[in-house]
């Protein structure tokens, strides 16, 4: 028992040492699935990298890792050496760590309970040689379960959380839970992003509210948190993710790409105000 405790202490010491080299740690969370949280994470990372920042992504969705696929890294493997485990490098040199890199095949399920999931997340943070990063984005699975709780507990010095929602009323209801979850764990809420907010007609350019609109802004106002922006429902965003090429890399001059840049500017401003 004493040996196990000693190993745990050593691991936590390594974690603290590794994370000292990361300037900003931001969790990307959602109250429910299907809101495009991972696509948002990938494109925020690309927007940050395009500004010259060194960026890493921790795909903390143990059961459904999707970040590697969206970055064209599916099938890659983590490499290890004397200092530890090295992340896989993606577009614009973004460093990525994901359970996907450890699975024998894409059909292999991860059938784990809470303690095992917390253990692997702790290893991702303590044993991976992240190096010096300006930003580490942590893509968390939906809800407020094991993985989000593990990350928040392991990184109490986290800079904040970005919450992703869509215009539906159901999504708005669970966003409130995500905000309360972050606040109870003393994690600042950097803001809310409304994904799939409206559709831009390819013929006339008109904005069409396929779903109801303004839900993200409404919730942000009710909960007194910043509203970061609206991402339109654009088939090219999904298509880019499926093909493993981040949307803003392939379509840097598009309106959605400019919105991602504006969101990153707001996050930068918020972080500067907190220092």
C-alpha atoms as a PDB file:
ATOM      1  CA  UNK A   1       0.000   0.000   0.000  1.00  0.00           C
ATOM      2  CA  UNK A   2       2.839   2.376   0.854  1.00  0.00           C
ATOM      3  CA  UNK A   3       4.536   1.636  -2.497  1.00  0.00           C
ATOM      4  CA  UNK A   4       1.319   2.401  -4.377  1.00  0.00           C
ATOM      5  CA  UNK A   5       0.902   5.643  -2.447  1.00  0.00           C
ATOM      6  CA  UNK A   6       4.480   6.619  -3.152  1.00  0.00           C
ATOM      7  CA  UNK A   7       4.029   5.969  -6.887  1.00  0.00           C
ATOM      8  CA  UNK A   8       0.884   8.080  -6.866  1.00  0.00           C
ATOM      9  CA  UNK A   9       2.729  10.940  -5.188  1.00  0.00           C
ATOM     10  CA  UNK A  10       5.538  10.700  -7.734  1.00  0.00           C
ATOM     11  CA  UNK A  11       3.020  10.770 -10.558  1.00  0.00           C
ATOM     12  CA  UNK A  12       1.279  13.825  -9.119  1.00  0.00           C
ATOM     13  CA  UNK A  13       4.651  15.552  -8.779  1.00  0.00           C
ATOM     14  CA  UNK A  14       5.374  14.835 -12.462  1.00  0.00           C
ATOM     15  CA  UNK A  15       1.931  16.133 -13.377  1.00  0.00           C
ATOM     16  CA  UNK A  16       2.534  19.405 -11.563  1.00  0.00           C
ATOM     17  CA  UNK A  17       5.956  19.733 -13.194  1.00  0.00           C
ATOM     18  CA  UNK A  18       4.604  19.063 -16.701  1.00  0.00           C
ATOM     19  CA  UNK A  19       1.692  21.444 -16.268  1.00  0.00           C
ATOM     20  CA  UNK A  20       3.981  24.264 -15.091  1.00  0.00           C
ATOM     21  CA  UNK A  21       5.126  24.513 -18.710  1.00  0.00           C
ATOM     22  CA  UNK A  22       1.576  25.032 -19.973  1.00  0.00           C
ATOM     23  CA  UNK A  23       0.518  28.689 -19.733  1.00  0.00           C
ATOM     24  CA  UNK A  24      -3.210  28.257 -20.255  1.00  0.00           C
ATOM     25  CA  UNK A  25      -5.349  25.168 -19.664  1.00  0.00           C
ATOM     26  CA  UNK A  26      -8.902  25.354 -21.013  1.00  0.00           C
ATOM     27  CA  UNK A  27     -11.618  22.708 -20.861  1.00  0.00           C
ATOM     28  CA  UNK A  28     -14.187  22.487 -23.660  1.00  0.00           C
ATOM     29  CA  UNK A  29     -17.379  20.998 -22.254  1.00  0.00           C
ATOM     30  CA  UNK A  30     -21.045  20.495 -23.072  1.00  0.00           C
ATOM     31  CA  UNK A  31     -24.050  19.428 -21.105  1.00  0.00           C
ATOM     32  CA  UNK A  32     -25.119  16.905 -23.733  1.00  0.00           C
ATOM     33  CA  UNK A  33     -23.761  15.069 -26.760  1.00  0.00           C
ATOM     34  CA  UNK A  34     -24.335  15.929 -30.394  1.00  0.00           C
ATOM     35  CA  UNK A  35     -23.543  19.635 -30.153  1.00  0.00           C
ATOM     36  CA  UNK A  36     -20.270  19.510 -32.104  1.00  0.00           C
ATOM     37  CA  UNK A  37     -17.977  20.095 -29.145  1.00  0.00           C
ATOM     38  CA  UNK A  38     -14.990  18.255 -30.643  1.00  0.00           C
ATOM     39  CA  UNK A  39     -15.285  20.148 -33.937  1.00  0.00           C
ATOM     40  CA  UNK A  40     -15.288  23.381 -31.929  1.00  0.00           C
ATOM     41  CA  UNK A  41     -12.196  22.231 -29.995  1.00  0.00           C
ATOM     42  CA  UNK A  42     -10.286  21.375 -33.177  1.00  0.00           C
ATOM     43  CA  UNK A  43     -11.050  24.673 -34.881  1.00  0.00           C
ATOM     44  CA  UNK A  44     -10.322  26.744 -31.777  1.00  0.00           C
ATOM     45  CA  UNK A  45      -6.947  24.987 -31.592  1.00  0.00           C
ATOM     46  CA  UNK A  46      -6.249  25.802 -35.248  1.00  0.00           C
ATOM     47  CA  UNK A  47      -7.314  29.424 -34.735  1.00  0.00           C
ATOM     48  CA  UNK A  48      -4.917  29.726 -31.793  1.00  0.00           C
ATOM     49  CA  UNK A  49      -2.084  28.045 -33.704  1.00  0.00           C
ATOM     50  CA  UNK A  50      -2.622  30.382 -36.666  1.00  0.00           C
ATOM     51  CA  UNK A  51      -1.848  33.280 -34.323  1.00  0.00           C
ATOM     52  CA  UNK A  52       1.527  31.761 -33.530  1.00  0.00           C
ATOM     53  CA  UNK A  53       0.663  30.045 -30.253  1.00  0.00           C
ATOM     54  CA  UNK A  54       1.977  26.589 -29.377  1.00  0.00           C
ATOM     55  CA  UNK A  55      -1.110  24.440 -28.800  1.00  0.00           C
ATOM     56  CA  UNK A  56      -1.944  20.977 -27.484  1.00  0.00           C
ATOM     57  CA  UNK A  57      -5.206  19.032 -27.411  1.00  0.00           C
ATOM     58  CA  UNK A  58      -5.999  16.371 -24.833  1.00  0.00           C
ATOM     59  CA  UNK A  59      -8.862  14.244 -26.100  1.00  0.00           C
ATOM     60  CA  UNK A  60     -10.278  13.198 -22.734  1.00  0.00           C
ATOM     61  CA  UNK A  61     -13.262  11.358 -24.195  1.00  0.00           C
ATOM     62  CA  UNK A  62     -12.115   7.862 -23.273  1.00  0.00           C
ATOM     63  CA  UNK A  63     -15.097   5.998 -24.758  1.00  0.00           C
ATOM     64  CA  UNK A  64     -15.602   8.023 -27.932  1.00  0.00           C
ATOM     65  CA  UNK A  65     -12.344   9.724 -28.958  1.00  0.00           C
ATOM     66  CA  UNK A  66     -12.845  11.657 -32.196  1.00  0.00           C
ATOM     67  CA  UNK A  67     -10.166  14.364 -32.255  1.00  0.00           C
ATOM     68  CA  UNK A  68      -7.586  12.249 -34.186  1.00  0.00           C
ATOM     69  CA  UNK A  69     -10.088  11.541 -36.970  1.00  0.00           C
ATOM     70  CA  UNK A  70     -10.858  15.253 -37.330  1.00  0.00           C
ATOM     71  CA  UNK A  71      -7.159  16.081 -37.572  1.00  0.00           C
ATOM     72  CA  UNK A  72      -6.239  13.331 -40.024  1.00  0.00           C
ATOM     73  CA  UNK A  73      -4.328  11.434 -37.332  1.00  0.00           C
ATOM     74  CA  UNK A  74      -6.531   8.348 -37.001  1.00  0.00           C
ATOM     75  CA  UNK A  75      -4.377   5.205 -36.854  1.00  0.00           C
ATOM     76  CA  UNK A  76      -1.325   6.984 -35.455  1.00  0.00           C
ATOM     77  CA  UNK A  77       0.412   5.714 -32.316  1.00  0.00           C
ATOM     78  CA  UNK A  78       2.005   7.432 -29.331  1.00  0.00           C
ATOM     79  CA  UNK A  79       5.772   7.043 -29.091  1.00  0.00           C
ATOM     80  CA  UNK A  80       7.690   6.784 -25.815  1.00  0.00           C
ATOM     81  CA  UNK A  81      11.255   7.447 -24.737  1.00  0.00           C
ATOM     82  CA  UNK A  82      13.273   8.128 -21.571  1.00  0.00           C
ATOM     83  CA  UNK A  83      11.449  11.403 -20.694  1.00  0.00           C
ATOM     84  CA  UNK A  84       7.994   9.870 -21.160  1.00  0.00           C
ATOM     85  CA  UNK A  85       5.309   9.583 -23.854  1.00  0.00           C
ATOM     86  CA  UNK A  86       5.347  11.981 -26.812  1.00  0.00           C
ATOM     87  CA  UNK A  87       2.176  13.482 -28.298  1.00  0.00           C
ATOM     88  CA  UNK A  88       1.323  12.999 -31.955  1.00  0.00           C
ATOM     89  CA  UNK A  89       1.811  16.169 -34.011  1.00  0.00           C
ATOM     90  CA  UNK A  90      -1.109  17.296 -36.131  1.00  0.00           C
ATOM     91  CA  UNK A  91      -1.738  20.203 -38.515  1.00  0.00           C
ATOM     92  CA  UNK A  92       0.098  23.430 -37.618  1.00  0.00           C
ATOM     93  CA  UNK A  93       2.207  21.397 -35.160  1.00  0.00           C
ATOM     94  CA  UNK A  94      -0.654  21.046 -32.681  1.00  0.00           C
ATOM     95  CA  UNK A  95       0.231  18.296 -30.197  1.00  0.00           C
ATOM     96  CA  UNK A  96      -2.455  15.672 -29.634  1.00  0.00           C
ATOM     97  CA  UNK A  97      -3.002  12.886 -27.118  1.00  0.00           C
ATOM     98  CA  UNK A  98      -6.000  10.600 -27.338  1.00  0.00           C
ATOM     99  CA  UNK A  99      -7.180   7.158 -26.292  1.00  0.00           C
ATOM    100  CA  UNK A 100      -7.612   6.555 -30.026  1.00  0.00           C
ATOM    101  CA  UNK A 101      -3.823   6.277 -30.336  1.00  0.00           C
ATOM    102  CA  UNK A 102      -3.801   3.344 -27.897  1.00  0.00           C
ATOM    103  CA  UNK A 103      -6.631   1.226 -29.304  1.00  0.00           C
ATOM    104  CA  UNK A 104      -5.774  -1.848 -31.421  1.00  0.00           C
ATOM    105  CA  UNK A 105      -8.497  -1.057 -33.954  1.00  0.00           C
ATOM    106  CA  UNK A 106     -11.219   1.506 -34.586  1.00  0.00           C
ATOM    107  CA  UNK A 107     -13.866  -1.045 -33.569  1.00  0.00           C
ATOM    108  CA  UNK A 108     -12.271  -1.679 -30.152  1.00  0.00           C
ATOM    109  CA  UNK A 109     -14.512  -0.418 -27.336  1.00  0.00           C
ATOM    110  CA  UNK A 110     -13.182   0.890 -24.021  1.00  0.00           C
ATOM    111  CA  UNK A 111     -15.141  -0.931 -21.321  1.00  0.00           C
ATOM    112  CA  UNK A 112     -13.866   0.769 -18.191  1.00  0.00           C
ATOM    113  CA  UNK A 113     -15.296   2.029 -14.944  1.00  0.00           C
ATOM    114  CA  UNK A 114     -14.462   5.328 -13.265  1.00  0.00           C
ATOM    115  CA  UNK A 115     -11.164   4.518 -11.485  1.00  0.00           C
ATOM    116  CA  UNK A 116      -9.513   3.227 -14.659  1.00  0.00           C
ATOM    117  CA  UNK A 117     -10.607   6.279 -16.608  1.00  0.00           C
ATOM    118  CA  UNK A 118      -9.209   8.634 -13.972  1.00  0.00           C
ATOM    119  CA  UNK A 119      -5.963   6.654 -14.001  1.00  0.00           C
ATOM    120  CA  UNK A 120      -5.438   7.029 -17.752  1.00  0.00           C
ATOM    121  CA  UNK A 121      -6.308  10.741 -17.667  1.00  0.00           C
ATOM    122  CA  UNK A 122      -3.788  11.209 -14.883  1.00  0.00           C
ATOM    123  CA  UNK A 123      -1.203   9.443 -17.059  1.00  0.00           C
ATOM    124  CA  UNK A 124      -2.030  11.637 -20.049  1.00  0.00           C
ATOM    125  CA  UNK A 125      -1.308  14.690 -17.905  1.00  0.00           C
ATOM    126  CA  UNK A 126       1.697  13.382 -15.964  1.00  0.00           C
ATOM    127  CA  UNK A 127       3.548  11.018 -18.306  1.00  0.00           C
ATOM    128  CA  UNK A 128       3.104  12.823 -21.629  1.00  0.00           C
ATOM    129  CA  UNK A 129       5.950  15.143 -22.594  1.00  0.00           C
ATOM    130  CA  UNK A 130       3.805  18.111 -23.582  1.00  0.00           C
ATOM    131  CA  UNK A 131       6.748  20.500 -23.440  1.00  0.00           C
ATOM    132  CA  UNK A 132       6.149  24.244 -23.348  1.00  0.00           C
ATOM    133  CA  UNK A 133       2.653  25.159 -24.532  1.00  0.00           C
ATOM    134  CA  UNK A 134       0.761  28.414 -24.674  1.00  0.00           C
ATOM    135  CA  UNK A 135      -2.576  26.580 -24.669  1.00  0.00           C
ATOM    136  CA  UNK A 136      -3.750  23.092 -23.767  1.00  0.00           C
ATOM    137  CA  UNK A 137      -7.356  22.501 -24.838  1.00  0.00           C
ATOM    138  CA  UNK A 138      -9.027  19.582 -23.091  1.00  0.00           C
ATOM    139  CA  UNK A 139     -11.905  18.092 -25.046  1.00  0.00           C
ATOM    140  CA  UNK A 140     -14.182  16.514 -22.442  1.00  0.00           C
ATOM    141  CA  UNK A 141     -17.029  14.058 -23.046  1.00  0.00           C
ATOM    142  CA  UNK A 142     -20.595  15.316 -22.576  1.00  0.00           C
ATOM    143  CA  UNK A 143     -22.063  15.667 -19.124  1.00  0.00           C
ATOM    144  CA  UNK A 144     -20.582  16.005 -15.667  1.00  0.00           C
ATOM    145  CA  UNK A 145     -19.332  12.467 -15.033  1.00  0.00           C
ATOM    146  CA  UNK A 146     -16.002  10.746 -14.421  1.00  0.00           C
ATOM    147  CA  UNK A 147     -13.795  12.338 -17.077  1.00  0.00           C
ATOM    148  CA  UNK A 148     -14.791  15.989 -16.548  1.00  0.00           C
ATOM    149  CA  UNK A 149     -14.605  15.565 -12.792  1.00  0.00           C
ATOM    150  CA  UNK A 150     -11.195  13.853 -13.009  1.00  0.00           C
ATOM    151  CA  UNK A 151      -9.697  16.622 -15.153  1.00  0.00           C
ATOM    152  CA  UNK A 152     -11.087  19.409 -12.992  1.00  0.00           C
ATOM    153  CA  UNK A 153      -9.763  17.751  -9.830  1.00  0.00           C
ATOM    154  CA  UNK A 154      -6.330  17.054 -11.319  1.00  0.00           C
ATOM    155  CA  UNK A 155      -5.995  20.599 -12.703  1.00  0.00           C
ATOM    156  CA  UNK A 156      -7.383  22.940 -10.048  1.00  0.00           C
ATOM    157  CA  UNK A 157      -5.358  25.789 -11.595  1.00  0.00           C
ATOM    158  CA  UNK A 158      -7.293  25.533 -14.876  1.00  0.00           C
ATOM    159  CA  UNK A 159      -7.819  28.895 -16.580  1.00  0.00           C
ATOM    160  CA  UNK A 160     -11.428  28.206 -17.458  1.00  0.00           C
ATOM    161  CA  UNK A 161     -14.076  26.322 -19.375  1.00  0.00           C
ATOM    162  CA  UNK A 162     -15.680  27.014 -22.733  1.00  0.00           C
ATOM    163  CA  UNK A 163     -19.205  25.604 -22.946  1.00  0.00           C
ATOM    164  CA  UNK A 164     -20.708  24.513 -26.265  1.00  0.00           C
ATOM    165  CA  UNK A 165     -24.431  24.385 -26.924  1.00  0.00           C
ATOM    166  CA  UNK A 166     -26.893  24.382 -29.837  1.00  0.00           C
ATOM    167  CA  UNK A 167     -30.108  26.444 -30.130  1.00  0.00           C
ATOM    168  CA  UNK A 168     -32.497  23.707 -28.950  1.00  0.00           C
ATOM    169  CA  UNK A 169     -34.287  24.144 -25.612  1.00  0.00           C
ATOM    170  CA  UNK A 170     -33.084  20.731 -24.418  1.00  0.00           C
ATOM    171  CA  UNK A 171     -29.475  21.764 -24.941  1.00  0.00           C
ATOM    172  CA  UNK A 172     -30.082  25.068 -23.172  1.00  0.00           C
ATOM    173  CA  UNK A 173     -31.395  23.263 -20.099  1.00  0.00           C
ATOM    174  CA  UNK A 174     -28.300  21.108 -19.734  1.00  0.00           C
ATOM    175  CA  UNK A 175     -25.978  24.052 -20.368  1.00  0.00           C
ATOM    176  CA  UNK A 176     -27.106  25.443 -17.044  1.00  0.00           C
ATOM    177  CA  UNK A 177     -25.922  22.228 -15.375  1.00  0.00           C
ATOM    178  CA  UNK A 178     -22.535  22.526 -17.090  1.00  0.00           C
ATOM    179  CA  UNK A 179     -22.132  26.116 -15.865  1.00  0.00           C
ATOM    180  CA  UNK A 180     -23.091  25.168 -12.303  1.00  0.00           C
ATOM    181  CA  UNK A 181     -20.714  22.169 -12.490  1.00  0.00           C
ATOM    182  CA  UNK A 182     -17.790  24.418 -13.427  1.00  0.00           C
ATOM    183  CA  UNK A 183     -18.642  26.975 -10.778  1.00  0.00           C
ATOM    184  CA  UNK A 184     -18.929  24.386  -8.022  1.00  0.00           C
ATOM    185  CA  UNK A 185     -15.428  23.209  -8.906  1.00  0.00           C
ATOM    186  CA  UNK A 186     -14.179  26.828  -8.880  1.00  0.00           C
ATOM    187  CA  UNK A 187     -13.418  26.759 -12.621  1.00  0.00           C
ATOM    188  CA  UNK A 188     -14.064  30.128 -14.351  1.00  0.00           C
ATOM    189  CA  UNK A 189     -16.521  29.989 -17.245  1.00  0.00           C
ATOM    190  CA  UNK A 190     -14.832  31.779 -20.149  1.00  0.00           C
ATOM    191  CA  UNK A 191     -18.035  31.768 -22.131  1.00  0.00           C
ATOM    192  CA  UNK A 192     -20.681  29.963 -24.164  1.00  0.00           C
ATOM    193  CA  UNK A 193     -20.518  29.128 -27.869  1.00  0.00           C
ATOM    194  CA  UNK A 194     -23.724  28.425 -29.781  1.00  0.00           C
ATOM    195  CA  UNK A 195     -22.943  25.888 -32.509  1.00  0.00           C
ATOM    196  CA  UNK A 196     -25.227  25.136 -35.504  1.00  0.00           C
ATOM    197  CA  UNK A 197     -26.804  28.501 -34.803  1.00  0.00           C
ATOM    198  CA  UNK A 198     -28.155  29.246 -38.283  1.00  0.00           C
ATOM    199  CA  UNK A 199     -27.794  28.126 -41.896  1.00  0.00           C
ATOM    200  CA  UNK A 200     -26.271  30.353 -44.580  1.00  0.00           C
ATOM    201  CA  UNK A 201     -28.047  29.895 -47.916  1.00  0.00           C
ATOM    202  CA  UNK A 202     -25.401  28.999 -50.525  1.00  0.00           C
ATOM    203  CA  UNK A 203     -27.400  30.784 -53.254  1.00  0.00           C
ATOM    204  CA  UNK A 204     -28.403  34.120 -51.728  1.00  0.00           C
ATOM    205  CA  UNK A 205     -26.316  34.250 -48.534  1.00  0.00           C
ATOM    206  CA  UNK A 206     -29.363  34.722 -46.317  1.00  0.00           C
ATOM    207  CA  UNK A 207     -29.164  33.478 -42.727  1.00  0.00           C
ATOM    208  CA  UNK A 208     -31.893  30.928 -42.023  1.00  0.00           C
ATOM    209  CA  UNK A 209     -32.766  29.854 -38.471  1.00  0.00           C
ATOM    210  CA  UNK A 210     -33.396  26.142 -38.989  1.00  0.00           C
ATOM    211  CA  UNK A 211     -33.575  25.720 -35.240  1.00  0.00           C
ATOM    212  CA  UNK A 212     -34.657  28.453 -32.869  1.00  0.00           C
ATOM    213  CA  UNK A 213     -32.021  31.136 -32.484  1.00  0.00           C
ATOM    214  CA  UNK A 214     -30.576  33.116 -29.609  1.00  0.00           C
ATOM    215  CA  UNK A 215     -30.701  30.381 -26.989  1.00  0.00           C
ATOM    216  CA  UNK A 216     -26.983  30.568 -26.257  1.00  0.00           C
ATOM    217  CA  UNK A 217     -27.083  34.332 -25.742  1.00  0.00           C
ATOM    218  CA  UNK A 218     -30.159  34.019 -23.557  1.00  0.00           C
ATOM    219  CA  UNK A 219     -28.552  31.422 -21.276  1.00  0.00           C
ATOM    220  CA  UNK A 220     -25.316  33.431 -21.096  1.00  0.00           C
ATOM    221  CA  UNK A 221     -27.259  36.502 -19.998  1.00  0.00           C
ATOM    222  CA  UNK A 222     -29.303  34.560 -17.435  1.00  0.00           C
ATOM    223  CA  UNK A 223     -26.186  33.011 -15.898  1.00  0.00           C
ATOM    224  CA  UNK A 224     -24.030  36.160 -16.183  1.00  0.00           C
ATOM    225  CA  UNK A 225     -21.335  34.523 -18.298  1.00  0.00           C
ATOM    226  CA  UNK A 226     -19.801  35.831 -21.555  1.00  0.00           C
ATOM    227  CA  UNK A 227     -21.319  34.853 -24.882  1.00  0.00           C
ATOM    228  CA  UNK A 228     -18.458  34.057 -27.253  1.00  0.00           C
ATOM    229  CA  UNK A 229     -20.232  33.673 -30.567  1.00  0.00           C
ATOM    230  CA  UNK A 230     -22.498  31.809 -32.981  1.00  0.00           C
ATOM    231  CA  UNK A 231     -21.117  29.183 -35.349  1.00  0.00           C
ATOM    232  CA  UNK A 232     -23.355  28.612 -38.390  1.00  0.00           C
ATOM    233  CA  UNK A 233     -24.588  25.220 -39.526  1.00  0.00           C
ATOM    234  CA  UNK A 234     -22.268  24.669 -42.491  1.00  0.00           C
ATOM    235  CA  UNK A 235     -22.000  21.230 -44.186  1.00  0.00           C
ATOM    236  CA  UNK A 236     -18.369  22.024 -45.015  1.00  0.00           C
ATOM    237  CA  UNK A 237     -17.480  22.066 -41.298  1.00  0.00           C
ATOM    238  CA  UNK A 238     -18.707  18.497 -40.862  1.00  0.00           C
ATOM    239  CA  UNK A 239     -17.191  17.442 -44.200  1.00  0.00           C
ATOM    240  CA  UNK A 240     -13.791  18.823 -43.182  1.00  0.00           C
ATOM    241  CA  UNK A 241     -13.904  16.894 -39.915  1.00  0.00           C
ATOM    242  CA  UNK A 242     -14.755  13.665 -41.706  1.00  0.00           C
ATOM    243  CA  UNK A 243     -11.878  14.177 -44.144  1.00  0.00           C
ATOM    244  CA  UNK A 244      -9.390  14.980 -41.375  1.00  0.00           C
ATOM    245  CA  UNK A 245      -8.700  18.550 -42.484  1.00  0.00           C
ATOM    246  CA  UNK A 246      -9.711  21.246 -39.954  1.00  0.00           C
ATOM    247  CA  UNK A 247     -12.292  23.604 -41.419  1.00  0.00           C
ATOM    248  CA  UNK A 248     -10.448  26.862 -40.785  1.00  0.00           C
ATOM    249  CA  UNK A 249      -7.292  25.412 -42.344  1.00  0.00           C
ATOM    250  CA  UNK A 250      -9.168  24.484 -45.528  1.00  0.00           C
ATOM    251  CA  UNK A 251     -11.453  27.537 -45.592  1.00  0.00           C
ATOM    252  CA  UNK A 252      -9.505  30.319 -43.815  1.00  0.00           C
ATOM    253  CA  UNK A 253     -11.385  33.165 -45.526  1.00  0.00           C
ATOM    254  CA  UNK A 254     -14.885  31.828 -44.833  1.00  0.00           C
ATOM    255  CA  UNK A 255     -17.339  33.494 -42.479  1.00  0.00           C
ATOM    256  CA  UNK A 256     -17.251  30.620 -39.917  1.00  0.00           C
ATOM    257  CA  UNK A 257     -13.431  30.798 -39.872  1.00  0.00           C
ATOM    258  CA  UNK A 258     -13.608  34.517 -39.101  1.00  0.00           C
ATOM    259  CA  UNK A 259     -16.081  33.798 -36.290  1.00  0.00           C
ATOM    260  CA  UNK A 260     -13.664  31.260 -34.778  1.00  0.00           C
ATOM    261  CA  UNK A 261     -10.955  33.931 -34.901  1.00  0.00           C
ATOM    262  CA  UNK A 262     -13.258  36.406 -33.136  1.00  0.00           C
ATOM    263  CA  UNK A 263     -14.016  33.833 -30.430  1.00  0.00           C
ATOM    264  CA  UNK A 264     -10.297  33.252 -29.884  1.00  0.00           C
ATOM    265  CA  UNK A 265      -9.782  37.020 -29.595  1.00  0.00           C
ATOM    266  CA  UNK A 266     -12.449  37.157 -26.886  1.00  0.00           C
ATOM    267  CA  UNK A 267     -10.821  34.263 -25.005  1.00  0.00           C
ATOM    268  CA  UNK A 268      -7.439  36.009 -25.222  1.00  0.00           C
ATOM    269  CA  UNK A 269      -8.933  39.217 -23.864  1.00  0.00           C
ATOM    270  CA  UNK A 270     -10.664  37.380 -21.023  1.00  0.00           C
ATOM    271  CA  UNK A 271      -7.443  35.626 -20.000  1.00  0.00           C
ATOM    272  CA  UNK A 272      -5.500  38.888 -20.045  1.00  0.00           C
ATOM    273  CA  UNK A 273      -8.099  40.538 -17.829  1.00  0.00           C
ATOM    274  CA  UNK A 274      -7.784  37.731 -15.282  1.00  0.00           C
ATOM    275  CA  UNK A 275      -3.999  38.121 -14.969  1.00  0.00           C
END
